[in-house]
Structures are given as C-alpha cells and as structure tokens.
C-alpha atoms as a PDB file:
ATOM      1  CA  UNK A   1     -12.980  20.806   4.570  1.00  0.00           C
ATOM      2  CA  UNK A   2     -15.491  23.213   2.985  1.00  0.00           C
ATOM      3  CA  UNK A   3     -12.939  24.358   0.378  1.00  0.00           C
ATOM      4  CA  UNK A   4     -12.454  20.748  -0.719  1.00  0.00           C
ATOM      5  CA  UNK A   5     -16.172  19.982  -0.816  1.00  0.00           C
ATOM      6  CA  UNK A   6     -16.804  23.104  -2.898  1.00  0.00           C
ATOM      7  CA  UNK A   7     -14.286  21.950  -5.537  1.00  0.00           C
ATOM      8  CA  UNK A   8     -14.346  18.135  -5.378  1.00  0.00           C
ATOM      9  CA  UNK A   9     -11.685  15.956  -6.948  1.00  0.00           C
ATOM     10  CA  UNK A  10      -8.649  14.001  -5.812  1.00  0.00           C
ATOM     11  CA  UNK A  11      -7.268  14.957  -2.392  1.00  0.00           C
ATOM     12  CA  UNK A  12      -3.839  13.862  -1.117  1.00  0.00           C
ATOM     13  CA  UNK A  13      -3.210  13.699   2.627  1.00  0.00           C
ATOM     14  CA  UNK A  14       0.412  14.686   3.240  1.00  0.00           C
ATOM     15  CA  UNK A  15       2.347  14.530   6.509  1.00  0.00           C
ATOM     16  CA  UNK A  16       4.839  12.677   8.664  1.00  0.00           C
ATOM     17  CA  UNK A  17       3.909   9.706  10.846  1.00  0.00           C
ATOM     18  CA  UNK A  18       1.390  10.236  13.637  1.00  0.00           C
ATOM     19  CA  UNK A  19      -0.046  13.575  12.540  1.00  0.00           C
ATOM     20  CA  UNK A  20      -3.592  12.268  12.045  1.00  0.00           C
ATOM     21  CA  UNK A  21      -3.704  11.790   8.247  1.00  0.00           C
ATOM     22  CA  UNK A  22      -5.916   8.709   8.440  1.00  0.00           C
ATOM     23  CA  UNK A  23      -8.328  10.335  10.893  1.00  0.00           C
ATOM     24  CA  UNK A  24      -8.566  13.452   8.719  1.00  0.00           C
ATOM     25  CA  UNK A  25      -9.047  11.357   5.562  1.00  0.00           C
ATOM     26  CA  UNK A  26     -11.892   9.437   7.203  1.00  0.00           C
ATOM     27  CA  UNK A  27     -13.506  12.671   8.406  1.00  0.00           C
ATOM     28  CA  UNK A  28     -13.311  14.126   4.897  1.00  0.00           C
ATOM     29  CA  UNK A  29     -14.978  11.048   3.396  1.00  0.00           C
ATOM     30  CA  UNK A  30     -17.739  11.323   5.998  1.00  0.00           C
ATOM     31  CA  UNK A  31     -18.190  15.026   5.205  1.00  0.00           C
ATOM     32  CA  UNK A  32     -18.471  14.224   1.503  1.00  0.00           C
ATOM     33  CA  UNK A  33     -21.228  11.717   2.213  1.00  0.00           C
ATOM     34  CA  UNK A  34     -23.152  14.231   4.299  1.00  0.00           C
ATOM     35  CA  UNK A  35     -22.811  16.756   1.468  1.00  0.00           C
ATOM     36  CA  UNK A  36     -24.382  14.293  -0.964  1.00  0.00           C
ATOM     37  CA  UNK A  37     -21.132  13.492  -2.790  1.00  0.00           C
ATOM     38  CA  UNK A  38     -19.787  10.027  -3.639  1.00  0.00           C
ATOM     39  CA  UNK A  39     -16.422   9.531  -1.906  1.00  0.00           C
ATOM     40  CA  UNK A  40     -13.688   6.935  -2.313  1.00  0.00           C
ATOM     41  CA  UNK A  41     -10.649   6.349  -0.127  1.00  0.00           C
ATOM     42  CA  UNK A  42      -7.300   5.110  -1.455  1.00  0.00           C
ATOM     43  CA  UNK A  43      -5.172   3.840   1.417  1.00  0.00           C
ATOM     44  CA  UNK A  44      -1.567   4.154   0.222  1.00  0.00           C
ATOM     45  CA  UNK A  45      -0.079   4.088   3.728  1.00  0.00           C
ATOM     46  CA  UNK A  46       1.442   0.661   3.169  1.00  0.00           C
ATOM     47  CA  UNK A  47       3.036   0.391   6.607  1.00  0.00           C
ATOM     48  CA  UNK A  48      -0.094   1.119   8.619  1.00  0.00           C
ATOM     49  CA  UNK A  49      -2.800  -0.025   6.221  1.00  0.00           C
ATOM     50  CA  UNK A  50      -6.424   0.231   7.320  1.00  0.00           C
ATOM     51  CA  UNK A  51      -7.908  -0.902   3.997  1.00  0.00           C
ATOM     52  CA  UNK A  52      -6.506  -4.311   3.182  1.00  0.00           C
ATOM     53  CA  UNK A  53      -3.370  -5.926   4.622  1.00  0.00           C
ATOM     54  CA  UNK A  54      -0.020  -4.117   5.020  1.00  0.00           C
ATOM     55  CA  UNK A  55       2.223  -3.859   1.944  1.00  0.00           C
ATOM     56  CA  UNK A  56      -0.763  -3.092  -0.286  1.00  0.00           C
ATOM     57  CA  UNK A  57      -2.637  -0.079  -1.637  1.00  0.00           C
ATOM     58  CA  UNK A  58      -6.346  -0.493  -0.951  1.00  0.00           C
ATOM     59  CA  UNK A  59      -9.476   1.126  -2.370  1.00  0.00           C
ATOM     60  CA  UNK A  60     -12.584   1.579  -0.263  1.00  0.00           C
ATOM     61  CA  UNK A  61     -15.987   2.938  -1.206  1.00  0.00           C
ATOM     62  CA  UNK A  62     -17.855   4.192   1.890  1.00  0.00           C
ATOM     63  CA  UNK A  63     -21.544   3.363   1.951  1.00  0.00           C
ATOM     64  CA  UNK A  64     -22.217   5.502   5.005  1.00  0.00           C
ATOM     65  CA  UNK A  65     -20.357   7.455   7.689  1.00  0.00           C
ATOM     66  CA  UNK A  66     -17.754   5.421   9.614  1.00  0.00           C
ATOM     67  CA  UNK A  67     -15.774   5.967  12.805  1.00  0.00           C
ATOM     68  CA  UNK A  68     -12.566   4.451  11.434  1.00  0.00           C
ATOM     69  CA  UNK A  69     -11.139   3.944   7.972  1.00  0.00           C
ATOM     70  CA  UNK A  70     -10.924   0.199   8.653  1.00  0.00           C
ATOM     71  CA  UNK A  71     -14.761   0.073   8.623  1.00  0.00           C
ATOM     72  CA  UNK A  72     -14.895   1.106   4.951  1.00  0.00           C
ATOM     73  CA  UNK A  73     -15.530  -1.881   2.632  1.00  0.00           C
ATOM     74  CA  UNK A  74     -12.449  -2.853   0.606  1.00  0.00           C
ATOM     75  CA  UNK A  75     -13.259  -3.231  -3.094  1.00  0.00           C
ATOM     76  CA  UNK A  76      -9.794  -3.601  -4.675  1.00  0.00           C
ATOM     77  CA  UNK A  77      -6.116  -3.695  -3.766  1.00  0.00           C
ATOM     78  CA  UNK A  78      -2.665  -3.670  -5.368  1.00  0.00           C
ATOM     79  CA  UNK A  79       0.401  -5.468  -4.009  1.00  0.00           C
ATOM     80  CA  UNK A  80       3.368  -3.192  -3.310  1.00  0.00           C
ATOM     81  CA  UNK A  81       5.616  -5.754  -1.635  1.00  0.00           C
ATOM     82  CA  UNK A  82       6.930  -3.915   1.414  1.00  0.00           C
ATOM     83  CA  UNK A  83       5.642  -1.800   4.273  1.00  0.00           C
ATOM     84  CA  UNK A  84       8.545   0.628   3.862  1.00  0.00           C
ATOM     85  CA  UNK A  85       8.173   2.639   0.646  1.00  0.00           C
ATOM     86  CA  UNK A  86      11.769   3.414  -0.363  1.00  0.00           C
ATOM     87  CA  UNK A  87      12.645   0.186  -2.241  1.00  0.00           C
ATOM     88  CA  UNK A  88       9.220  -0.319  -3.824  1.00  0.00           C
ATOM     89  CA  UNK A  89       8.126   3.234  -4.573  1.00  0.00           C
ATOM     90  CA  UNK A  90       7.467   2.545  -8.258  1.00  0.00           C
ATOM     91  CA  UNK A  91       4.943  -0.130  -7.250  1.00  0.00           C
ATOM     92  CA  UNK A  92       3.415   2.225  -4.674  1.00  0.00           C
ATOM     93  CA  UNK A  93       2.898   4.916  -7.306  1.00  0.00           C
ATOM     94  CA  UNK A  94       1.518   2.419  -9.812  1.00  0.00           C
ATOM     95  CA  UNK A  95      -0.845   0.932  -7.241  1.00  0.00           C
ATOM     96  CA  UNK A  96      -2.126   4.351  -6.207  1.00  0.00           C
ATOM     97  CA  UNK A  97      -2.742   5.340  -9.830  1.00  0.00           C
ATOM     98  CA  UNK A  98      -4.611   2.092 -10.519  1.00  0.00           C
ATOM     99  CA  UNK A  99      -6.832   2.466  -7.464  1.00  0.00           C
ATOM    100  CA  UNK A 100      -7.597   6.058  -8.504  1.00  0.00           C
ATOM    101  CA  UNK A 101      -8.693   4.776 -11.908  1.00  0.00           C
ATOM    102  CA  UNK A 102     -10.971   2.234 -10.227  1.00  0.00           C
ATOM    103  CA  UNK A 103     -12.462   4.944  -8.023  1.00  0.00           C
ATOM    104  CA  UNK A 104     -13.168   7.182 -11.012  1.00  0.00           C
ATOM    105  CA  UNK A 105     -14.727   4.251 -12.848  1.00  0.00           C
ATOM    106  CA  UNK A 106     -17.044   3.879  -9.829  1.00  0.00           C
ATOM    107  CA  UNK A 107     -18.106   7.542 -10.309  1.00  0.00           C
ATOM    108  CA  UNK A 108     -16.440   8.781  -7.108  1.00  0.00           C
ATOM    109  CA  UNK A 109     -16.581  12.560  -6.885  1.00  0.00           C
ATOM    110  CA  UNK A 110     -14.079  12.981  -4.054  1.00  0.00           C
ATOM    111  CA  UNK A 111     -11.132  10.562  -3.865  1.00  0.00           C
ATOM    112  CA  UNK A 112      -9.123  10.856  -0.661  1.00  0.00           C
ATOM    113  CA  UNK A 113      -5.592   9.428  -0.856  1.00  0.00           C
ATOM    114  CA  UNK A 114      -3.919   8.582   2.457  1.00  0.00           C
ATOM    115  CA  UNK A 115      -0.120   8.368   2.211  1.00  0.00           C
ATOM    116  CA  UNK A 116       2.919   7.118   4.104  1.00  0.00           C
ATOM    117  CA  UNK A 117       4.768   9.285   6.616  1.00  0.00           C
ATOM    118  CA  UNK A 118       7.974   9.218   4.534  1.00  0.00           C
ATOM    119  CA  UNK A 119       8.298  12.963   3.877  1.00  0.00           C
ATOM    120  CA  UNK A 120      11.712  14.160   5.076  1.00  0.00           C
ATOM    121  CA  UNK A 121      14.993  14.083   3.164  1.00  0.00           C
ATOM    122  CA  UNK A 122      15.808  14.634  -0.486  1.00  0.00           C
ATOM    123  CA  UNK A 123      14.789  11.124  -1.555  1.00  0.00           C
ATOM    124  CA  UNK A 124      11.400  11.401   0.143  1.00  0.00           C
ATOM    125  CA  UNK A 125      10.718  14.843  -1.336  1.00  0.00           C
ATOM    126  CA  UNK A 126      11.554  13.655  -4.860  1.00  0.00           C
ATOM    127  CA  UNK A 127       9.458  10.509  -4.443  1.00  0.00           C
ATOM    128  CA  UNK A 128       6.405  12.344  -3.107  1.00  0.00           C
ATOM    129  CA  UNK A 129       6.555  14.922  -5.893  1.00  0.00           C
ATOM    130  CA  UNK A 130       6.802  12.180  -8.507  1.00  0.00           C
ATOM    131  CA  UNK A 131       3.735  10.505  -7.045  1.00  0.00           C
ATOM    132  CA  UNK A 132       1.740  13.728  -6.832  1.00  0.00           C
ATOM    133  CA  UNK A 133       2.569  14.622 -10.429  1.00  0.00           C
ATOM    134  CA  UNK A 134       1.422  11.154 -11.540  1.00  0.00           C
ATOM    135  CA  UNK A 135      -1.943  11.287  -9.799  1.00  0.00           C
ATOM    136  CA  UNK A 136      -2.598  15.025 -10.385  1.00  0.00           C
ATOM    137  CA  UNK A 137      -4.684  15.894  -7.314  1.00  0.00           C
ATOM    138  CA  UNK A 138      -6.822  18.994  -7.075  1.00  0.00           C
ATOM    139  CA  UNK A 139      -6.056  19.398  -3.361  1.00  0.00           C
ATOM    140  CA  UNK A 140      -3.253  18.578  -0.939  1.00  0.00           C
ATOM    141  CA  UNK A 141      -4.032  18.650   2.770  1.00  0.00           C
ATOM    142  CA  UNK A 142      -0.721  19.133   4.584  1.00  0.00           C
ATOM    143  CA  UNK A 143      -0.670  18.165   8.251  1.00  0.00           C
ATOM    144  CA  UNK A 144       2.567  19.283   9.856  1.00  0.00           C
ATOM    145  CA  UNK A 145       3.963  20.304  13.206  1.00  0.00           C
ATOM    146  CA  UNK A 146       6.906  22.478  12.200  1.00  0.00           C
ATOM    147  CA  UNK A 147       7.038  22.898   8.433  1.00  0.00           C
ATOM    148  CA  UNK A 148       8.354  19.403   7.747  1.00  0.00           C
ATOM    149  CA  UNK A 149       6.454  19.047   4.452  1.00  0.00           C
ATOM    150  CA  UNK A 150       7.184  22.548   3.128  1.00  0.00           C
ATOM    151  CA  UNK A 151       9.967  21.258   0.795  1.00  0.00           C
ATOM    152  CA  UNK A 152       7.357  19.052  -0.883  1.00  0.00           C
ATOM    153  CA  UNK A 153       4.766  21.797  -1.047  1.00  0.00           C
ATOM    154  CA  UNK A 154       7.309  24.135  -2.665  1.00  0.00           C
ATOM    155  CA  UNK A 155       7.592  21.763  -5.622  1.00  0.00           C
ATOM    156  CA  UNK A 156       3.875  21.293  -6.297  1.00  0.00           C
ATOM    157  CA  UNK A 157       2.315  22.490  -9.551  1.00  0.00           C
ATOM    158  CA  UNK A 158       0.477  25.777  -9.213  1.00  0.00           C
ATOM    159  CA  UNK A 159      -2.809  24.091 -10.080  1.00  0.00           C
ATOM    160  CA  UNK A 160      -2.848  22.193  -6.751  1.00  0.00           C
ATOM    161  CA  UNK A 161      -4.714  23.862  -3.891  1.00  0.00           C
ATOM    162  CA  UNK A 162      -2.765  23.460  -0.626  1.00  0.00           C
ATOM    163  CA  UNK A 163      -4.538  23.412   2.732  1.00  0.00           C
ATOM    164  CA  UNK A 164      -2.215  23.534   5.750  1.00  0.00           C
ATOM    165  CA  UNK A 165      -3.482  22.084   9.022  1.00  0.00           C
ATOM    166  CA  UNK A 166      -1.925  21.542  12.434  1.00  0.00           C
ATOM    167  CA  UNK A 167      -2.276  18.031  13.894  1.00  0.00           C
ATOM    168  CA  UNK A 168      -5.024  17.562  16.427  1.00  0.00           C
ATOM    169  CA  UNK A 169      -3.806  17.610  20.043  1.00  0.00           C
ATOM    170  CA  UNK A 170      -5.645  14.308  20.434  1.00  0.00           C
ATOM    171  CA  UNK A 171      -3.186  12.533  18.116  1.00  0.00           C
ATOM    172  CA  UNK A 172      -1.073  10.098  20.128  1.00  0.00           C
ATOM    173  CA  UNK A 173       2.356   9.257  18.646  1.00  0.00           C
ATOM    174  CA  UNK A 174       3.341   5.581  18.459  1.00  0.00           C
ATOM    175  CA  UNK A 175       6.906   4.363  18.651  1.00  0.00           C
ATOM    176  CA  UNK A 176       8.470   1.993  16.131  1.00  0.00           C
ATOM    177  CA  UNK A 177       7.701  -1.069  18.244  1.00  0.00           C
ATOM    178  CA  UNK A 178       4.009  -0.173  18.445  1.00  0.00           C
ATOM    179  CA  UNK A 179       3.801   0.383  14.709  1.00  0.00           C
ATOM    180  CA  UNK A 180       5.456  -2.964  14.021  1.00  0.00           C
ATOM    181  CA  UNK A 181       3.119  -4.691  16.484  1.00  0.00           C
ATOM    182  CA  UNK A 182       0.144  -3.201  14.609  1.00  0.00           C
ATOM    183  CA  UNK A 183       1.436  -4.562  11.283  1.00  0.00           C
ATOM    184  CA  UNK A 184       2.117  -8.002  12.730  1.00  0.00           C
ATOM    185  CA  UNK A 185      -1.408  -8.193  14.167  1.00  0.00           C
ATOM    186  CA  UNK A 186      -2.822  -7.296  10.775  1.00  0.00           C
ATOM    187  CA  UNK A 187      -0.720  -9.954   9.046  1.00  0.00           C
ATOM    188  CA  UNK A 188      -1.627 -12.564  11.683  1.00  0.00           C
ATOM    189  CA  UNK A 189      -5.335 -11.860  11.186  1.00  0.00           C
ATOM    190  CA  UNK A 190      -4.916 -12.069   7.424  1.00  0.00           C
ATOM    191  CA  UNK A 191      -3.162 -15.455   7.451  1.00  0.00           C
ATOM    192  CA  UNK A 192      -5.141 -16.914  10.359  1.00  0.00           C
ATOM    193  CA  UNK A 193      -7.108 -19.331   8.174  1.00  0.00           C
ATOM    194  CA  UNK A 194      -4.580 -19.809   5.365  1.00  0.00           C
ATOM    195  CA  UNK A 195      -4.108 -22.937   3.276  1.00  0.00           C
ATOM    196  CA  UNK A 196      -1.022 -24.421   1.596  1.00  0.00           C
ATOM    197  CA  UNK A 197      -0.522 -24.555  -2.164  1.00  0.00           C
ATOM    198  CA  UNK A 198       2.394 -25.680  -4.332  1.00  0.00           C
ATOM    199  CA  UNK A 199       3.251 -23.477  -7.307  1.00  0.00           C
ATOM    200  CA  UNK A 200       5.387 -24.515 -10.259  1.00  0.00           C
ATOM    201  CA  UNK A 201       7.245 -21.347 -11.266  1.00  0.00           C
ATOM    202  CA  UNK A 202       7.529 -22.582 -14.863  1.00  0.00           C
ATOM    203  CA  UNK A 203       3.752 -22.470 -15.291  1.00  0.00           C
ATOM    204  CA  UNK A 204       2.824 -19.305 -13.379  1.00  0.00           C
ATOM    205  CA  UNK A 205       3.484 -15.962 -15.068  1.00  0.00           C
ATOM    206  CA  UNK A 206       5.778 -13.529 -13.228  1.00  0.00           C
ATOM    207  CA  UNK A 207       4.187 -10.086 -13.094  1.00  0.00           C
ATOM    208  CA  UNK A 208       7.450  -8.441 -11.995  1.00  0.00           C
ATOM    209  CA  UNK A 209      11.077  -9.549 -11.528  1.00  0.00           C
ATOM    210  CA  UNK A 210      12.581 -10.185  -8.112  1.00  0.00           C
ATOM    211  CA  UNK A 211      14.860  -7.445  -6.783  1.00  0.00           C
ATOM    212  CA  UNK A 212      17.923  -8.957  -5.140  1.00  0.00           C
ATOM    213  CA  UNK A 213      21.379  -7.520  -4.345  1.00  0.00           C
ATOM    214  CA  UNK A 214      21.142  -4.787  -6.955  1.00  0.00           C
ATOM    215  CA  UNK A 215      19.908  -7.118  -9.694  1.00  0.00           C
ATOM    216  CA  UNK A 216      16.584  -7.944 -11.273  1.00  0.00           C
ATOM    217  CA  UNK A 217      16.279 -11.732 -11.142  1.00  0.00           C
ATOM    218  CA  UNK A 218      13.909 -13.446 -13.612  1.00  0.00           C
ATOM    219  CA  UNK A 219      11.483 -15.796 -11.929  1.00  0.00           C
ATOM    220  CA  UNK A 220      12.972 -18.744 -13.813  1.00  0.00           C
ATOM    221  CA  UNK A 221      16.345 -18.114 -12.123  1.00  0.00           C
ATOM    222  CA  UNK A 222      15.348 -16.991  -8.644  1.00  0.00           C
ATOM    223  CA  UNK A 223      15.502 -20.387  -6.924  1.00  0.00           C
ATOM    224  CA  UNK A 224      18.998 -20.880  -8.295  1.00  0.00           C
ATOM    225  CA  UNK A 225      20.329 -17.407  -7.499  1.00  0.00           C
ATOM    226  CA  UNK A 226      18.645 -16.425  -4.220  1.00  0.00           C
ATOM    227  CA  UNK A 227      19.488 -18.391  -1.032  1.00  0.00           C
ATOM    228  CA  UNK A 228      16.638 -20.552   0.186  1.00  0.00           C
ATOM    229  CA  UNK A 229      16.719 -18.959   3.629  1.00  0.00           C
ATOM    230  CA  UNK A 230      16.017 -15.520   2.164  1.00  0.00           C
ATOM    231  CA  UNK A 231      13.082 -16.801   0.124  1.00  0.00           C
ATOM    232  CA  UNK A 232      11.435 -18.395   3.142  1.00  0.00           C
ATOM    233  CA  UNK A 233       8.510 -16.242   4.320  1.00  0.00           C
ATOM    234  CA  UNK A 234       8.878 -13.856   1.384  1.00  0.00           C
ATOM    235  CA  UNK A 235       5.589 -12.104   0.677  1.00  0.00           C
ATOM    236  CA  UNK A 236       4.058 -12.606  -2.745  1.00  0.00           C
ATOM    237  CA  UNK A 237       1.072 -11.053  -4.420  1.00  0.00           C
ATOM    238  CA  UNK A 238      -1.294 -13.445  -6.176  1.00  0.00           C
ATOM    239  CA  UNK A 239      -2.610 -11.264  -8.964  1.00  0.00           C
ATOM    240  CA  UNK A 240      -5.617 -11.512 -11.214  1.00  0.00           C
ATOM    241  CA  UNK A 241      -5.920 -10.892 -14.925  1.00  0.00           C
ATOM    242  CA  UNK A 242      -5.507  -7.116 -14.664  1.00  0.00           C
ATOM    243  CA  UNK A 243      -2.682  -7.163 -12.122  1.00  0.00           C
ATOM    244  CA  UNK A 244      -4.825  -6.297  -9.131  1.00  0.00           C
ATOM    245  CA  UNK A 245      -4.403  -8.301  -5.956  1.00  0.00           C
ATOM    246  CA  UNK A 246      -6.424 -11.464  -5.453  1.00  0.00           C
ATOM    247  CA  UNK A 247      -4.657 -12.370  -2.198  1.00  0.00           C
ATOM    248  CA  UNK A 248      -1.338 -12.236  -0.400  1.00  0.00           C
ATOM    249  CA  UNK A 249       0.776 -15.327   0.082  1.00  0.00           C
ATOM    250  CA  UNK A 250       3.950 -16.115   1.978  1.00  0.00           C
ATOM    251  CA  UNK A 251       6.549 -18.691   0.964  1.00  0.00           C
ATOM    252  CA  UNK A 252       6.881 -21.582   3.418  1.00  0.00           C
ATOM    253  CA  UNK A 253       8.871 -24.082   1.339  1.00  0.00           C
ATOM    254  CA  UNK A 254      11.306 -24.063  -1.574  1.00  0.00           C
ATOM    255  CA  UNK A 255      12.297 -26.957  -3.862  1.00  0.00           C
ATOM    256  CA  UNK A 256      14.934 -25.515  -6.242  1.00  0.00           C
ATOM    257  CA  UNK A 257      15.461 -28.684  -8.259  1.00  0.00           C
ATOM    258  CA  UNK A 258      11.791 -28.886  -9.194  1.00  0.00           C
ATOM    259  CA  UNK A 259      11.198 -25.127  -9.650  1.00  0.00           C
ATOM    260  CA  UNK A 260       8.460 -25.299  -7.031  1.00  0.00           C
ATOM    261  CA  UNK A 261       7.579 -23.152  -4.058  1.00  0.00           C
ATOM    262  CA  UNK A 262       5.030 -23.816  -1.354  1.00  0.00           C
ATOM    263  CA  UNK A 263       2.987 -20.862  -0.158  1.00  0.00           C
ATOM    264  CA  UNK A 264       0.217 -20.233   2.328  1.00  0.00           C
ATOM    265  CA  UNK A 265      -2.646 -17.904   1.449  1.00  0.00           C
ATOM    266  CA  UNK A 266      -6.219 -17.323   2.653  1.00  0.00           C
ATOM    267  CA  UNK A 267      -7.520 -18.356  -0.772  1.00  0.00           C
ATOM    268  CA  UNK A 268      -9.516 -21.558  -1.067  1.00  0.00           C
ATOM    269  CA  UNK A 269      -8.624 -21.929  -4.745  1.00  0.00           C
ATOM    270  CA  UNK A 270      -6.038 -20.458  -7.125  1.00  0.00           C
ATOM    271  CA  UNK A 271      -8.537 -20.354  -9.985  1.00  0.00           C
ATOM    272  CA  UNK A 272      -8.493 -16.545 -10.225  1.00  0.00           C
ATOM    273  CA  UNK A 273      -4.709 -16.232  -9.955  1.00  0.00           C
ATOM    274  CA  UNK A 274      -2.972 -15.319 -13.201  1.00  0.00           C
ATOM    275  CA  UNK A 275       0.442 -14.077 -12.035  1.00  0.00           C
ATOM    276  CA  UNK A 276       2.895 -13.868  -9.158  1.00  0.00           C
ATOM    277  CA  UNK A 277       4.206 -10.553  -7.864  1.00  0.00           C
ATOM    278  CA  UNK A 278       7.348 -10.937  -5.749  1.00  0.00           C
ATOM    279  CA  UNK A 279       7.748  -8.729  -2.708  1.00  0.00           C
ATOM    280  CA  UNK A 280      10.628  -7.575  -0.521  1.00  0.00           C
ATOM    281  CA  UNK A 281       9.277  -8.017   3.009  1.00  0.00           C
ATOM    282  CA  UNK A 282       9.435 -11.451   4.679  1.00  0.00           C
ATOM    283  CA  UNK A 283       6.471 -12.341   6.884  1.00  0.00           C
ATOM    284  CA  UNK A 284       5.808 -15.657   8.645  1.00  0.00           C
ATOM    285  CA  UNK A 285       2.267 -17.092   8.586  1.00  0.00           C
ATOM    286  CA  UNK A 286       2.087 -16.146  12.286  1.00  0.00           C
ATOM    287  CA  UNK A 287       2.369 -12.498  11.229  1.00  0.00           C
ATOM    288  CA  UNK A 288       5.924 -12.059  12.493  1.00  0.00           C
ATOM    289  CA  UNK A 289       8.120  -9.906  10.272  1.00  0.00           C
ATOM    290  CA  UNK A 290      11.340 -11.777   9.414  1.00  0.00           C
ATOM    291  CA  UNK A 291      13.331  -9.045   7.703  1.00  0.00           C
ATOM    292  CA  UNK A 292      13.663  -8.193   4.046  1.00  0.00           C
ATOM    293  CA  UNK A 293      15.173  -9.562   0.886  1.00  0.00           C
ATOM    294  CA  UNK A 294      18.308  -7.437   0.360  1.00  0.00           C
ATOM    295  CA  UNK A 295      17.619  -5.384  -2.738  1.00  0.00           C
ATOM    296  CA  UNK A 296      20.639  -3.049  -2.791  1.00  0.00           C
ATOM    297  CA  UNK A 297      24.020  -4.131  -4.156  1.00  0.00           C
END
C-alpha cells in the first residue's frame, strides 16, 4: 500500500473471483484517508456490486474510514445492463471511464477501481487490457493464487506499476448459487418500494440500441421484433441528461400496438429521465433473475 500512497493516481484491482479485491480496495481507500489524501472508489464489479445495484458501475467518495465498501456513499452510477461482463463490455468500459472522470472532477487523488473476476481465457485477457489502456492507471494491484492474471500483466504498458499480492487466507470462496443469491437480494432491496410507470417509446429517447440475436434493434422496432416474453422483466437504465443513471427499471408489461411499455422503478417521478438504456439481464421486481435476452446470433 505504501508504494501506491507515495505515487497516488488511479489504481486497478485485478484478480479472479473471491480473491479479496473488494476488501483490498476498501482498505486502500481507508489508508488514503489516513494519509490525508482524497480517495474515490469506482465499483466496476457489476456482478457483485457494493456501490449501487448490480449491473451498474458505481462511484463512491468516502468521507471517513469504513468497514465495507457498501458503507461508502454512492454519488453517481452508469448502467451496464448485465451482471456478466462478456456481452456488455463496451458499456462496462465506458461506465468505468465516465466514473473516473467524475472522480477526477471531484479532486480525488487516489481512485481505486474494483473489477470483475473475469480474467481467464483469451477473450477476458483482451477485454481487460482494452479497459486498462482506456483508463490508464498508474498502478495495478494483482491478487492471484497461481499466476492466473499473469497473461494480463504481460500485456500492460511499461508505465503501469504492478504490485502482486497473494489473497488473504481469510477470504472465503462463494459458489455460483451464493453469488446469485447475493445479487437477487440486492435487486430485491432496490425494487422493494418501486412504482409503476407507462412509457411511450416514441417519445422517450433511446440512449443505445437493443442487442438481440446478433442484431442491433432500434427502439422503434423492438416491440415488433422481440418476443413479448423476452422483454418481460428486462432491465432498463433510466438515464439523465448526461447519460448517467437516474434509476434502474424493469419491464412488467408490453403493449406492442401502442408502442408502450410498463416499468417499475424506485423513482417517484420521471422528471429527470431523458433516455432509456436497454439491458440484457432480465430481473423480476422481486429480485429474481429470469435469464437474459439472447444477444448472439
């Protein structure tokens, strides 16, 4: 940690699932505070989000030391659209870059970026390197058990300082069912007090096209080209003027002939909403994950 505090900047936490990235990121933010530096945390672990709901990239600005990342106040978020990064990686990279810009605008001196555990395989290596090159960190903290992130580290620019750490023996792995249960609890809490709204898709701007069966479907055609059953419970991002997230919504009703969809969202008013961002993951208002919109051909 001292090497990072001596040369502050953007720090990327890199490692597979259950190696303690979030714990280490929180500890680093606390250390920065104690050293008199202004930290920010960008939570880009979209499947196990602690800042904001799952399927988003969140920005937190710690006001004091915390025990858990989830205690850091959320100040902004960006909708990615899925908890699994592969199909939405462009949105994940864009969201991370935007939250970094917000952190710098808030005069953060150390920005800690927590990341997903998708690190193994050629696709993951290429995706991680693309993200790291976009955000240009000063440091990468690599937590690994047996060299699993070395293929990523081998491709880093020489300007990036790499700090290799072994996971703490106190880290307790969670199986897939436990990780899904965590996400569903987070979604259930988020939608617990949601209200229903009807949106006319002809009057609400689409911030991004819908990915479906290998095609990019314009919003004006989605109700005609995507089966109603697949649209039900599809996550949407309700975005503000600059594209940042105002709130999540989930589709609960579709009326193709009238170009209308019914959504539930925790918002009390849609006054700040300027655009819709269509996701991939389907989540019921109860928090239950209902599968995904098929995006591949």
